């Protein structure tokens, strides 16, 4: 009695289809792995945020050599930033500034920001924080929430003496401001924003308008 090879081995077309499916799955895995390796083991959204933060810090401080690294954290990413700054720079600007930049990347769940750098804010920190919140609330009312970020620096300067100076020259505090914007608002709104920079304890210093570079 003859043996039917087709019956024992099964339809050849089924084996071909299985092989094609396996090959397609393998190609997908290779493509995903290649993208993973190309971005240093991270997804493209992380890379885009890192690049945006570096470019924004370089533009804000007008200093090269900024370093930003996103690291895995529970539920998202943690930012480690080493910031190069000018001598008069204020280290406390960097965390709110980077959070403002990160808001342009909603696909990344930002859990924490760690800043490394040589400079920081001194003086009455509680008072400084109250003034910062007041000025930010003023900006939000004028421009809309999330449209602008007010960065403040409280700088101690030696007061000019009208008479002979005493043994220890007194100092006064000047308030320097940097308004960070996503887009340029009408000029009249900018004038109103800076008109709100009046406090009882600080003299008004210089102010600056800074538009975030396009990511």
N, C-alpha and C. Protein backbone atom coordinates (compact mmCIF):
# COMPACT_ATOMS: atom_id res chain seq x y z
N UNK A 1 0.85 -1.19 0.00
CA UNK A 1 0.00 0.00 0.00
C UNK A 1 0.89 1.23 0.00
N UNK A 2 0.57 2.19 -0.85
CA UNK A 2 1.40 3.39 -0.92
C UNK A 2 1.14 4.33 0.26
N UNK A 3 2.15 5.07 0.59
CA UNK A 3 2.04 6.03 1.70
C UNK A 3 1.87 7.42 1.12
N UNK A 4 0.89 8.12 1.64
CA UNK A 4 0.64 9.49 1.18
C UNK A 4 1.50 10.46 1.99
N UNK A 5 2.55 10.97 1.35
CA UNK A 5 3.44 11.89 2.08
C UNK A 5 2.73 13.18 2.44
N UNK A 6 1.82 13.61 1.57
CA UNK A 6 1.12 14.86 1.87
C UNK A 6 0.29 14.75 3.12
N UNK A 7 -0.29 13.58 3.36
CA UNK A 7 -1.12 13.39 4.55
C UNK A 7 -0.29 13.38 5.81
N UNK A 8 0.90 12.75 5.74
CA UNK A 8 1.74 12.66 6.93
C UNK A 8 2.40 14.00 7.27
N UNK A 9 2.84 14.73 6.31
CA UNK A 9 3.59 15.95 6.57
C UNK A 9 2.69 17.18 6.72
N UNK A 10 1.45 17.10 6.31
CA UNK A 10 0.56 18.24 6.40
C UNK A 10 0.71 19.12 5.19
N UNK A 11 -0.20 20.01 4.99
CA UNK A 11 -0.16 20.90 3.83
C UNK A 11 1.08 21.77 3.85
N UNK A 12 1.84 21.78 2.77
CA UNK A 12 3.07 22.61 2.76
C UNK A 12 2.78 24.10 2.90
N UNK A 13 1.60 24.55 2.47
CA UNK A 13 1.30 25.97 2.57
C UNK A 13 1.24 26.47 4.00
N UNK A 14 0.77 25.64 4.95
CA UNK A 14 0.69 26.06 6.36
C UNK A 14 2.05 26.33 6.96
N UNK A 15 3.02 25.48 6.61
CA UNK A 15 4.38 25.68 7.13
C UNK A 15 4.98 26.98 6.61
N UNK A 16 4.70 27.28 5.35
CA UNK A 16 5.23 28.51 4.77
C UNK A 16 4.66 29.73 5.48
N UNK A 17 3.35 29.70 5.77
CA UNK A 17 2.72 30.83 6.46
C UNK A 17 3.31 31.02 7.86
N UNK A 18 3.53 29.91 8.56
CA UNK A 18 4.12 30.01 9.90
C UNK A 18 5.52 30.63 9.83
N UNK A 19 6.28 30.21 8.83
CA UNK A 19 7.63 30.76 8.68
C UNK A 19 7.60 32.26 8.37
N UNK A 20 6.64 32.65 7.56
CA UNK A 20 6.52 34.08 7.23
C UNK A 20 6.15 34.90 8.46
N UNK A 21 5.23 34.40 9.26
CA UNK A 21 4.86 35.11 10.49
C UNK A 21 6.05 35.22 11.44
N UNK A 22 6.80 34.13 11.55
CA UNK A 22 7.98 34.14 12.43
C UNK A 22 9.02 35.14 11.95
N UNK A 23 9.21 35.18 10.61
CA UNK A 23 10.17 36.11 10.04
C UNK A 23 9.73 37.56 10.25
N UNK A 24 8.43 37.82 10.09
CA UNK A 24 7.92 39.19 10.30
C UNK A 24 8.11 39.62 11.75
N UNK A 25 7.82 38.70 12.68
CA UNK A 25 8.00 39.02 14.10
C UNK A 25 9.46 39.30 14.41
N UNK A 26 10.36 38.52 13.82
CA UNK A 26 11.79 38.73 14.03
C UNK A 26 12.23 40.09 13.52
N UNK A 27 11.74 40.49 12.35
CA UNK A 27 12.10 41.79 11.78
C UNK A 27 11.62 42.92 12.67
N UNK A 28 10.44 42.79 13.25
CA UNK A 28 9.93 43.82 14.16
C UNK A 28 10.82 43.93 15.39
N UNK A 29 11.20 42.80 15.95
CA UNK A 29 12.07 42.81 17.13
C UNK A 29 13.42 43.44 16.81
N UNK A 30 13.97 43.14 15.65
CA UNK A 30 15.26 43.71 15.25
C UNK A 30 15.14 45.23 15.11
N UNK A 31 14.04 45.71 14.51
CA UNK A 31 13.85 47.14 14.33
C UNK A 31 13.73 47.84 15.68
N UNK A 32 12.98 47.26 16.61
CA UNK A 32 12.83 47.85 17.94
C UNK A 32 14.17 47.88 18.67
N UNK A 33 14.92 46.78 18.58
CA UNK A 33 16.22 46.72 19.24
C UNK A 33 17.19 47.74 18.66
N UNK A 34 17.17 47.91 17.33
CA UNK A 34 18.05 48.88 16.70
C UNK A 34 17.74 50.29 17.15
N UNK A 35 16.45 50.62 17.27
CA UNK A 35 16.07 51.96 17.74
C UNK A 35 16.49 52.14 19.19
N UNK A 36 16.33 51.08 19.99
CA UNK A 36 16.72 51.14 21.40
C UNK A 36 18.21 51.42 21.54
N UNK A 37 19.03 50.71 20.74
CA UNK A 37 20.49 50.90 20.80
C UNK A 37 20.88 52.26 20.25
N UNK A 38 20.23 52.69 19.17
CA UNK A 38 20.57 53.98 18.56
C UNK A 38 20.38 55.14 19.53
N UNK A 39 19.40 55.06 20.42
CA UNK A 39 19.14 56.13 21.39
C UNK A 39 19.78 55.85 22.74
N UNK A 40 20.80 55.00 22.74
CA UNK A 40 21.53 54.76 23.97
C UNK A 40 20.73 54.00 25.01
N UNK A 41 19.80 53.18 24.61
CA UNK A 41 19.02 52.40 25.56
C UNK A 41 17.82 53.13 26.10
N UNK A 42 17.45 54.29 25.54
CA UNK A 42 16.29 55.06 25.99
C UNK A 42 15.40 55.38 24.81
N UNK A 43 14.18 55.76 25.11
CA UNK A 43 13.28 56.05 24.00
C UNK A 43 13.54 57.46 23.46
N UNK A 44 12.94 57.72 22.32
CA UNK A 44 13.20 58.98 21.62
C UNK A 44 12.70 60.19 22.41
N UNK A 45 11.63 60.03 23.20
CA UNK A 45 11.11 61.15 23.97
C UNK A 45 12.11 61.62 25.02
N UNK A 46 12.81 60.69 25.65
CA UNK A 46 13.83 61.06 26.63
C UNK A 46 14.97 61.83 25.96
N UNK A 47 15.41 61.32 24.81
CA UNK A 47 16.50 61.97 24.09
C UNK A 47 16.09 63.39 23.69
N UNK A 48 14.87 63.55 23.21
CA UNK A 48 14.40 64.88 22.81
C UNK A 48 14.37 65.84 23.99
N UNK A 49 13.94 65.37 25.16
CA UNK A 49 13.89 66.23 26.34
C UNK A 49 15.29 66.60 26.79
N UNK A 50 16.21 65.65 26.80
CA UNK A 50 17.59 65.96 27.16
C UNK A 50 18.16 67.05 26.25
N UNK A 51 17.99 66.88 24.95
CA UNK A 51 18.53 67.85 23.99
C UNK A 51 17.89 69.22 24.18
N UNK A 52 16.58 69.25 24.44
CA UNK A 52 15.88 70.51 24.64
C UNK A 52 16.39 71.20 25.90
N UNK A 53 16.60 70.46 26.98
CA UNK A 53 17.09 71.05 28.22
C UNK A 53 18.50 71.62 28.05
N UNK A 54 19.37 70.87 27.36
CA UNK A 54 20.74 71.35 27.13
C UNK A 54 20.72 72.65 26.32
N UNK A 55 19.98 72.66 25.21
CA UNK A 55 19.92 73.86 24.37
C UNK A 55 19.32 75.04 25.11
N UNK A 56 18.31 74.79 25.93
CA UNK A 56 17.66 75.88 26.67
C UNK A 56 18.59 76.43 27.74
N UNK A 57 19.32 75.57 28.45
CA UNK A 57 20.28 76.05 29.46
C UNK A 57 21.40 76.86 28.82
N UNK A 58 21.89 76.40 27.67
CA UNK A 58 22.94 77.15 26.98
C UNK A 58 22.46 78.53 26.56
N UNK A 59 21.20 78.61 26.12
CA UNK A 59 20.65 79.90 25.71
C UNK A 59 20.40 80.80 26.91
N UNK A 60 19.90 80.24 28.01
CA UNK A 60 19.60 81.04 29.20
C UNK A 60 20.86 81.64 29.80
N UNK A 61 21.88 80.80 30.01
CA UNK A 61 23.09 81.26 30.69
C UNK A 61 24.17 81.74 29.73
N UNK A 62 23.95 81.53 28.44
CA UNK A 62 24.94 81.90 27.43
C UNK A 62 26.29 81.26 27.75
N UNK A 63 26.20 79.98 28.12
CA UNK A 63 27.38 79.21 28.49
C UNK A 63 27.30 77.84 27.84
N UNK A 64 28.37 77.38 27.18
CA UNK A 64 28.40 76.00 26.68
C UNK A 64 28.72 75.03 27.82
N UNK A 65 28.71 73.76 27.50
CA UNK A 65 29.13 72.77 28.49
C UNK A 65 28.03 72.31 29.43
N UNK A 66 26.76 72.55 29.09
CA UNK A 66 25.67 72.07 29.94
C UNK A 66 25.51 70.56 29.77
N UNK A 67 25.21 69.88 30.86
CA UNK A 67 25.05 68.43 30.81
C UNK A 67 23.73 68.05 31.48
N UNK A 68 22.93 67.28 30.76
CA UNK A 68 21.65 66.81 31.28
C UNK A 68 21.53 65.32 30.99
N UNK A 69 21.18 64.56 32.00
CA UNK A 69 20.98 63.12 31.83
C UNK A 69 19.67 62.70 32.49
N UNK A 70 18.85 61.97 31.76
CA UNK A 70 17.63 61.40 32.30
C UNK A 70 17.91 59.98 32.75
N UNK A 71 17.49 59.69 33.97
CA UNK A 71 17.72 58.38 34.55
C UNK A 71 16.38 57.79 34.97
N UNK A 72 16.30 56.48 34.96
CA UNK A 72 15.05 55.82 35.34
C UNK A 72 14.73 56.09 36.80
N UNK A 73 13.47 56.38 37.05
CA UNK A 73 12.97 56.58 38.40
C UNK A 73 11.62 55.90 38.49
N UNK A 74 11.19 55.62 39.69
CA UNK A 74 9.91 54.92 39.86
C UNK A 74 8.78 55.72 39.22
N UNK A 75 8.17 55.15 38.22
CA UNK A 75 7.05 55.80 37.55
C UNK A 75 7.42 56.79 36.48
N UNK A 76 8.72 56.94 36.18
CA UNK A 76 9.09 57.91 35.14
C UNK A 76 10.59 58.14 35.07
N UNK A 77 10.98 59.41 34.98
CA UNK A 77 12.38 59.78 34.78
C UNK A 77 12.82 60.80 35.82
N UNK A 78 14.09 60.75 36.16
CA UNK A 78 14.73 61.73 37.04
C UNK A 78 15.81 62.44 36.24
N UNK A 79 15.88 63.76 36.38
CA UNK A 79 16.85 64.57 35.65
C UNK A 79 18.05 64.86 36.54
N UNK A 80 19.23 64.61 36.02
CA UNK A 80 20.48 65.01 36.66
C UNK A 80 21.15 66.02 35.75
N UNK A 81 21.24 67.28 36.20
CA UNK A 81 21.77 68.36 35.37
C UNK A 81 22.99 68.97 36.04
N UNK A 82 24.08 69.07 35.28
CA UNK A 82 25.27 69.79 35.71
C UNK A 82 25.32 71.08 34.91
N UNK A 83 25.12 72.21 35.60
CA UNK A 83 24.88 73.48 34.93
C UNK A 83 26.11 74.36 35.01
N UNK A 84 26.56 74.83 33.85
CA UNK A 84 27.64 75.82 33.78
C UNK A 84 27.00 77.21 33.80
N UNK A 85 27.46 78.06 34.73
CA UNK A 85 26.82 79.35 34.93
C UNK A 85 27.85 80.46 35.06
N UNK A 86 27.47 81.70 34.77
CA UNK A 86 28.36 82.83 35.01
C UNK A 86 28.47 83.11 36.51
N UNK A 87 29.46 83.87 36.94
CA UNK A 87 29.66 84.12 38.38
C UNK A 87 28.44 84.72 39.07
N UNK A 88 27.66 85.55 38.36
CA UNK A 88 26.51 86.19 38.98
C UNK A 88 25.23 85.36 38.84
N UNK A 89 25.35 84.14 38.30
CA UNK A 89 24.17 83.32 38.10
C UNK A 89 23.59 82.81 39.40
N UNK A 90 22.32 82.48 39.37
CA UNK A 90 21.62 81.97 40.55
C UNK A 90 21.21 80.53 40.29
N UNK A 91 21.80 79.62 41.06
CA UNK A 91 21.56 78.19 40.88
C UNK A 91 20.09 77.84 41.04
N UNK A 92 19.37 78.58 41.87
CA UNK A 92 17.97 78.24 42.16
C UNK A 92 17.06 78.47 40.96
N UNK A 93 17.52 79.14 39.94
CA UNK A 93 16.71 79.32 38.73
C UNK A 93 16.52 78.00 37.97
N UNK A 94 17.49 77.11 38.10
CA UNK A 94 17.56 75.99 37.16
C UNK A 94 16.42 74.98 37.29
N UNK A 95 16.03 74.64 38.51
CA UNK A 95 14.97 73.64 38.65
C UNK A 95 13.64 74.12 38.08
N UNK A 96 13.12 75.31 38.46
CA UNK A 96 11.87 75.74 37.83
C UNK A 96 12.00 75.95 36.33
N UNK A 97 13.19 76.39 35.89
CA UNK A 97 13.40 76.58 34.45
C UNK A 97 13.31 75.25 33.71
N UNK A 98 13.95 74.21 34.24
CA UNK A 98 13.92 72.91 33.57
C UNK A 98 12.53 72.27 33.63
N UNK A 99 11.80 72.52 34.69
CA UNK A 99 10.41 72.03 34.74
C UNK A 99 9.55 72.74 33.69
N UNK A 100 9.83 74.00 33.46
CA UNK A 100 9.11 74.76 32.44
C UNK A 100 9.42 74.19 31.06
N UNK A 101 10.68 73.85 30.82
CA UNK A 101 11.07 73.23 29.56
C UNK A 101 10.42 71.84 29.42
N UNK A 102 10.41 71.08 30.51
CA UNK A 102 9.87 69.72 30.47
C UNK A 102 8.38 69.71 30.15
N UNK A 103 7.68 70.80 30.46
CA UNK A 103 6.25 70.86 30.17
C UNK A 103 5.97 70.76 28.68
N UNK A 104 7.00 71.03 27.85
CA UNK A 104 6.83 70.89 26.39
C UNK A 104 6.94 69.43 25.96
N UNK A 105 7.21 68.53 26.90
CA UNK A 105 7.39 67.11 26.58
C UNK A 105 6.48 66.28 27.48
N UNK A 106 5.18 66.35 27.26
CA UNK A 106 4.25 65.64 28.16
C UNK A 106 4.38 64.12 28.11
N UNK A 107 5.03 63.59 27.10
CA UNK A 107 5.19 62.13 27.02
C UNK A 107 6.15 61.60 28.07
N UNK A 108 6.99 62.48 28.65
CA UNK A 108 7.95 62.06 29.67
C UNK A 108 7.37 62.39 31.05
N UNK A 109 7.26 61.38 31.89
CA UNK A 109 6.77 61.57 33.26
C UNK A 109 7.96 61.96 34.14
N UNK A 110 8.08 63.25 34.44
CA UNK A 110 9.23 63.77 35.20
C UNK A 110 8.95 63.64 36.70
N UNK A 111 9.82 62.91 37.39
CA UNK A 111 9.62 62.66 38.81
C UNK A 111 10.45 63.59 39.70
N UNK A 112 11.66 63.93 39.27
CA UNK A 112 12.53 64.75 40.12
C UNK A 112 13.62 65.38 39.26
N UNK A 113 14.18 66.48 39.78
CA UNK A 113 15.29 67.17 39.12
C UNK A 113 16.38 67.42 40.16
N UNK A 114 17.59 67.00 39.83
CA UNK A 114 18.75 67.25 40.69
C UNK A 114 19.71 68.16 39.94
N UNK A 115 20.06 69.28 40.56
CA UNK A 115 20.92 70.28 39.93
C UNK A 115 22.28 70.27 40.61
N UNK A 116 23.32 70.28 39.79
CA UNK A 116 24.68 70.42 40.31
C UNK A 116 25.30 71.67 39.70
N UNK A 117 25.93 72.47 40.55
CA UNK A 117 26.55 73.70 40.09
C UNK A 117 27.15 74.44 41.27
N UNK A 118 27.96 75.46 41.02
CA UNK A 118 28.72 76.10 42.09
C UNK A 118 28.01 77.24 42.80
N UNK A 119 26.87 77.71 42.29
CA UNK A 119 26.30 78.92 42.84
C UNK A 119 24.90 78.68 43.38
N UNK A 120 24.51 79.48 44.40
CA UNK A 120 23.19 79.36 44.98
C UNK A 120 22.70 80.69 45.52
N UNK A 121 21.49 80.70 46.03
CA UNK A 121 20.89 81.93 46.55
C UNK A 121 21.13 81.99 48.06
N UNK A 122 21.47 83.15 48.54
CA UNK A 122 21.69 83.35 49.96
C UNK A 122 20.69 84.37 50.48
N UNK A 123 20.60 84.45 51.81
CA UNK A 123 19.73 85.45 52.40
C UNK A 123 18.46 84.83 52.95
N UNK A 124 17.40 85.64 52.99
CA UNK A 124 16.13 85.23 53.57
C UNK A 124 15.37 84.39 52.55
N UNK A 125 15.56 83.08 52.61
CA UNK A 125 14.98 82.20 51.60
C UNK A 125 13.46 82.20 51.66
N UNK A 126 12.89 82.27 52.86
CA UNK A 126 11.44 82.26 52.98
C UNK A 126 10.84 83.50 52.32
N UNK A 127 11.45 84.66 52.56
CA UNK A 127 10.97 85.89 51.92
C UNK A 127 11.13 85.82 50.41
N UNK A 128 12.25 85.33 49.96
CA UNK A 128 12.50 85.22 48.53
C UNK A 128 11.44 84.33 47.86
N UNK A 129 11.09 83.24 48.51
CA UNK A 129 10.11 82.32 47.94
C UNK A 129 8.73 82.97 47.90
N UNK A 130 8.39 83.73 48.91
CA UNK A 130 7.09 84.43 48.91
C UNK A 130 7.01 85.41 47.75
N UNK A 131 8.09 86.18 47.56
CA UNK A 131 8.11 87.15 46.46
C UNK A 131 8.03 86.44 45.12
N UNK A 132 8.77 85.33 44.99
CA UNK A 132 8.75 84.59 43.73
C UNK A 132 7.34 84.11 43.41
N UNK A 133 6.64 83.57 44.39
CA UNK A 133 5.28 83.06 44.16
C UNK A 133 4.33 84.21 43.80
N UNK A 134 4.49 85.34 44.46
CA UNK A 134 3.64 86.49 44.14
C UNK A 134 3.84 86.94 42.70
N UNK A 135 5.10 87.02 42.29
CA UNK A 135 5.38 87.49 40.93
C UNK A 135 4.93 86.45 39.90
N UNK A 136 5.06 85.16 40.21
CA UNK A 136 4.60 84.14 39.27
C UNK A 136 3.09 84.18 39.13
N UNK A 137 2.39 84.41 40.24
CA UNK A 137 0.93 84.53 40.17
C UNK A 137 0.52 85.72 39.30
N UNK A 138 1.28 86.81 39.39
CA UNK A 138 1.02 87.99 38.57
C UNK A 138 1.21 87.66 37.08
N UNK A 139 2.27 86.93 36.76
CA UNK A 139 2.53 86.53 35.37
C UNK A 139 1.41 85.63 34.86
N UNK A 140 0.98 84.68 35.68
CA UNK A 140 -0.09 83.76 35.26
C UNK A 140 -1.39 84.50 35.00
N UNK A 141 -1.68 85.53 35.79
CA UNK A 141 -2.91 86.29 35.57
C UNK A 141 -2.85 87.08 34.27
N UNK A 142 -1.68 87.61 33.95
CA UNK A 142 -1.55 88.45 32.76
C UNK A 142 -1.43 87.64 31.48
N UNK A 143 -0.61 86.60 31.50
CA UNK A 143 -0.30 85.85 30.28
C UNK A 143 -1.07 84.54 30.16
N UNK A 144 -1.56 84.03 31.28
CA UNK A 144 -2.20 82.73 31.29
C UNK A 144 -1.29 81.69 31.91
N UNK A 145 -1.83 80.71 32.63
CA UNK A 145 -1.00 79.67 33.27
C UNK A 145 -0.17 78.91 32.25
N UNK A 146 1.10 78.70 32.61
CA UNK A 146 1.99 77.93 31.74
C UNK A 146 2.57 78.70 30.57
N UNK A 147 2.24 79.99 30.42
CA UNK A 147 2.73 80.78 29.29
C UNK A 147 4.06 81.48 29.59
N UNK A 148 4.34 81.70 30.85
CA UNK A 148 5.58 82.39 31.21
C UNK A 148 6.07 81.96 32.57
N UNK A 149 7.37 82.07 32.78
CA UNK A 149 8.00 81.72 34.06
C UNK A 149 8.84 82.90 34.52
N UNK A 150 8.58 83.40 35.72
CA UNK A 150 9.35 84.52 36.25
C UNK A 150 10.45 83.98 37.16
N UNK A 151 11.70 84.23 36.79
CA UNK A 151 12.85 83.85 37.60
C UNK A 151 13.40 85.10 38.26
N UNK A 152 13.64 85.02 39.56
CA UNK A 152 14.10 86.18 40.32
C UNK A 152 15.43 85.89 40.98
N UNK A 153 16.27 86.92 41.06
CA UNK A 153 17.53 86.82 41.78
C UNK A 153 17.64 88.01 42.73
N UNK A 154 17.95 87.70 43.98
CA UNK A 154 18.10 88.73 45.01
C UNK A 154 19.60 88.93 45.22
N UNK A 155 20.09 90.09 44.81
CA UNK A 155 21.53 90.32 44.80
C UNK A 155 21.89 91.44 45.78
N UNK A 156 22.80 91.14 46.69
CA UNK A 156 23.27 92.14 47.65
C UNK A 156 24.31 93.04 46.99
N UNK A 157 24.07 94.35 47.05
CA UNK A 157 25.01 95.32 46.49
C UNK A 157 25.33 96.37 47.55
N UNK A 158 26.50 96.95 47.43
CA UNK A 158 26.91 97.99 48.38
C UNK A 158 26.17 99.27 48.05
N UNK A 159 25.51 99.85 49.04
CA UNK A 159 24.77 101.09 48.83
C UNK A 159 25.73 102.25 48.64
N UNK A 160 25.42 103.13 47.73
CA UNK A 160 26.25 104.31 47.50
C UNK A 160 26.10 105.28 48.67
N UNK A 161 27.22 105.79 49.13
CA UNK A 161 27.24 106.67 50.29
C UNK A 161 27.24 108.14 49.86
N UNK A 162 26.36 108.92 50.48
CA UNK A 162 26.34 110.36 50.22
C UNK A 162 27.39 111.08 51.06
N UNK A 163 27.66 110.56 52.24
CA UNK A 163 28.66 111.15 53.14
C UNK A 163 29.84 110.19 53.26
N UNK A 164 30.71 110.52 54.19
CA UNK A 164 31.87 109.64 54.40
C UNK A 164 31.38 108.27 54.84
N UNK A 165 31.86 107.22 54.22
CA UNK A 165 31.37 105.88 54.57
C UNK A 165 31.81 105.47 55.97
N UNK A 166 30.97 104.75 56.67
CA UNK A 166 31.37 104.22 57.99
C UNK A 166 32.36 103.08 57.83
N UNK A 167 32.71 102.51 58.94
CA UNK A 167 33.69 101.43 58.90
C UNK A 167 33.18 100.25 58.08
N UNK A 168 31.90 99.94 58.21
CA UNK A 168 31.32 98.84 57.43
C UNK A 168 30.26 99.42 56.49
N UNK A 169 30.47 99.30 55.21
CA UNK A 169 29.54 99.85 54.24
C UNK A 169 28.26 99.02 54.24
N UNK A 170 27.09 99.68 54.38
CA UNK A 170 25.84 98.93 54.35
C UNK A 170 25.54 98.44 52.94
N UNK A 171 24.70 97.45 52.87
CA UNK A 171 24.31 96.90 51.58
C UNK A 171 22.81 97.03 51.40
N UNK A 172 22.39 96.93 50.17
CA UNK A 172 20.98 96.90 49.85
C UNK A 172 20.73 95.73 48.91
N UNK A 173 19.50 95.28 48.84
CA UNK A 173 19.16 94.14 48.00
C UNK A 173 18.46 94.62 46.74
N UNK A 174 18.97 94.19 45.60
CA UNK A 174 18.34 94.49 44.33
C UNK A 174 17.66 93.23 43.78
N UNK A 175 16.55 93.44 43.11
CA UNK A 175 15.77 92.34 42.57
C UNK A 175 15.95 92.31 41.06
N UNK A 176 16.61 91.26 40.57
CA UNK A 176 16.82 91.05 39.14
C UNK A 176 15.84 90.00 38.65
N UNK A 177 15.27 90.22 37.47
CA UNK A 177 14.21 89.34 36.98
C UNK A 177 14.52 88.87 35.57
N UNK A 178 14.14 87.62 35.29
CA UNK A 178 14.21 87.04 33.95
C UNK A 178 12.87 86.39 33.67
N UNK A 179 12.17 86.88 32.66
CA UNK A 179 10.89 86.33 32.27
C UNK A 179 11.10 85.36 31.11
N UNK A 180 10.81 84.08 31.35
CA UNK A 180 10.96 83.04 30.34
C UNK A 180 9.61 82.83 29.66
N UNK A 181 9.60 82.84 28.33
CA UNK A 181 8.36 82.77 27.57
C UNK A 181 8.39 81.61 26.58
N UNK A 182 7.22 81.03 26.34
CA UNK A 182 7.08 80.06 25.27
C UNK A 182 6.98 80.75 23.92
N UNK A 183 6.32 81.91 23.90
CA UNK A 183 6.16 82.70 22.68
C UNK A 183 6.06 84.16 23.09
N UNK A 184 6.40 85.05 22.17
CA UNK A 184 6.36 86.48 22.46
C UNK A 184 4.92 86.97 22.63
N UNK A 185 4.58 87.56 23.78
CA UNK A 185 3.25 88.15 23.94
C UNK A 185 3.25 89.58 23.40
N UNK A 186 2.10 90.21 23.32
CA UNK A 186 2.06 91.61 22.92
C UNK A 186 2.90 92.47 23.85
N UNK A 187 3.53 93.51 23.29
CA UNK A 187 4.45 94.35 24.06
C UNK A 187 3.78 94.96 25.29
N UNK A 188 2.54 95.31 25.19
CA UNK A 188 1.84 95.89 26.32
C UNK A 188 1.76 94.95 27.51
N UNK A 189 1.61 93.66 27.24
CA UNK A 189 1.57 92.69 28.33
C UNK A 189 2.91 92.59 29.04
N UNK A 190 4.00 92.66 28.29
CA UNK A 190 5.33 92.61 28.91
C UNK A 190 5.53 93.79 29.85
N UNK A 191 5.08 94.96 29.42
CA UNK A 191 5.21 96.15 30.28
C UNK A 191 4.46 95.94 31.59
N UNK A 192 3.26 95.39 31.50
CA UNK A 192 2.48 95.15 32.72
C UNK A 192 3.14 94.12 33.62
N UNK A 193 3.76 93.09 33.01
CA UNK A 193 4.41 92.07 33.82
C UNK A 193 5.50 92.68 34.68
N UNK A 194 6.35 93.51 34.09
CA UNK A 194 7.47 94.06 34.84
C UNK A 194 7.05 95.21 35.75
N UNK A 195 5.90 95.81 35.49
CA UNK A 195 5.40 96.82 36.42
C UNK A 195 5.04 96.20 37.76
N UNK A 196 4.77 94.90 37.76
CA UNK A 196 4.44 94.23 39.01
C UNK A 196 5.64 93.91 39.87
N UNK A 197 6.85 94.17 39.39
CA UNK A 197 8.06 93.86 40.15
C UNK A 197 8.39 94.97 41.14
N UNK A 198 7.54 95.17 42.08
CA UNK A 198 7.76 96.18 43.12
C UNK A 198 7.56 95.53 44.48
N UNK A 199 8.58 95.59 45.31
CA UNK A 199 8.48 95.07 46.67
C UNK A 199 8.92 96.14 47.64
N UNK A 200 8.57 95.94 48.90
CA UNK A 200 8.89 96.94 49.92
C UNK A 200 10.36 96.87 50.34
N UNK A 201 11.00 95.70 50.15
CA UNK A 201 12.34 95.51 50.70
C UNK A 201 13.44 95.63 49.66
N UNK A 202 13.14 95.37 48.40
CA UNK A 202 14.19 95.33 47.38
C UNK A 202 14.08 96.49 46.40
N UNK A 203 15.24 96.93 45.96
CA UNK A 203 15.28 97.87 44.85
C UNK A 203 15.14 97.10 43.54
N UNK A 204 14.48 97.71 42.59
CA UNK A 204 14.31 97.05 41.30
C UNK A 204 15.62 97.11 40.51
N UNK A 205 16.08 95.97 40.06
CA UNK A 205 17.30 95.91 39.26
C UNK A 205 16.98 95.70 37.79
N UNK A 206 17.87 95.06 37.10
CA UNK A 206 17.69 94.81 35.67
C UNK A 206 16.64 93.72 35.45
N UNK A 207 16.05 93.73 34.26
CA UNK A 207 15.18 92.62 33.90
C UNK A 207 15.49 92.19 32.47
N UNK A 208 15.11 90.96 32.19
CA UNK A 208 15.44 90.34 30.91
C UNK A 208 14.26 89.50 30.45
N UNK A 209 14.01 89.50 29.14
CA UNK A 209 13.00 88.64 28.55
C UNK A 209 13.71 87.56 27.74
N UNK A 210 13.37 86.32 27.99
CA UNK A 210 14.04 85.19 27.36
C UNK A 210 13.00 84.26 26.77
N UNK A 211 13.06 84.03 25.47
CA UNK A 211 12.14 83.10 24.79
C UNK A 211 12.84 81.75 24.61
N UNK A 212 12.16 80.69 25.03
CA UNK A 212 12.74 79.36 24.89
C UNK A 212 13.05 79.06 23.43
N UNK A 213 14.21 78.46 23.15
CA UNK A 213 14.49 78.05 21.77
C UNK A 213 13.54 76.94 21.33
N UNK A 214 13.31 76.87 20.04
CA UNK A 214 12.41 75.84 19.51
C UNK A 214 13.03 74.46 19.71
N UNK A 215 12.27 73.51 20.28
CA UNK A 215 12.86 72.18 20.54
C UNK A 215 13.07 71.42 19.24
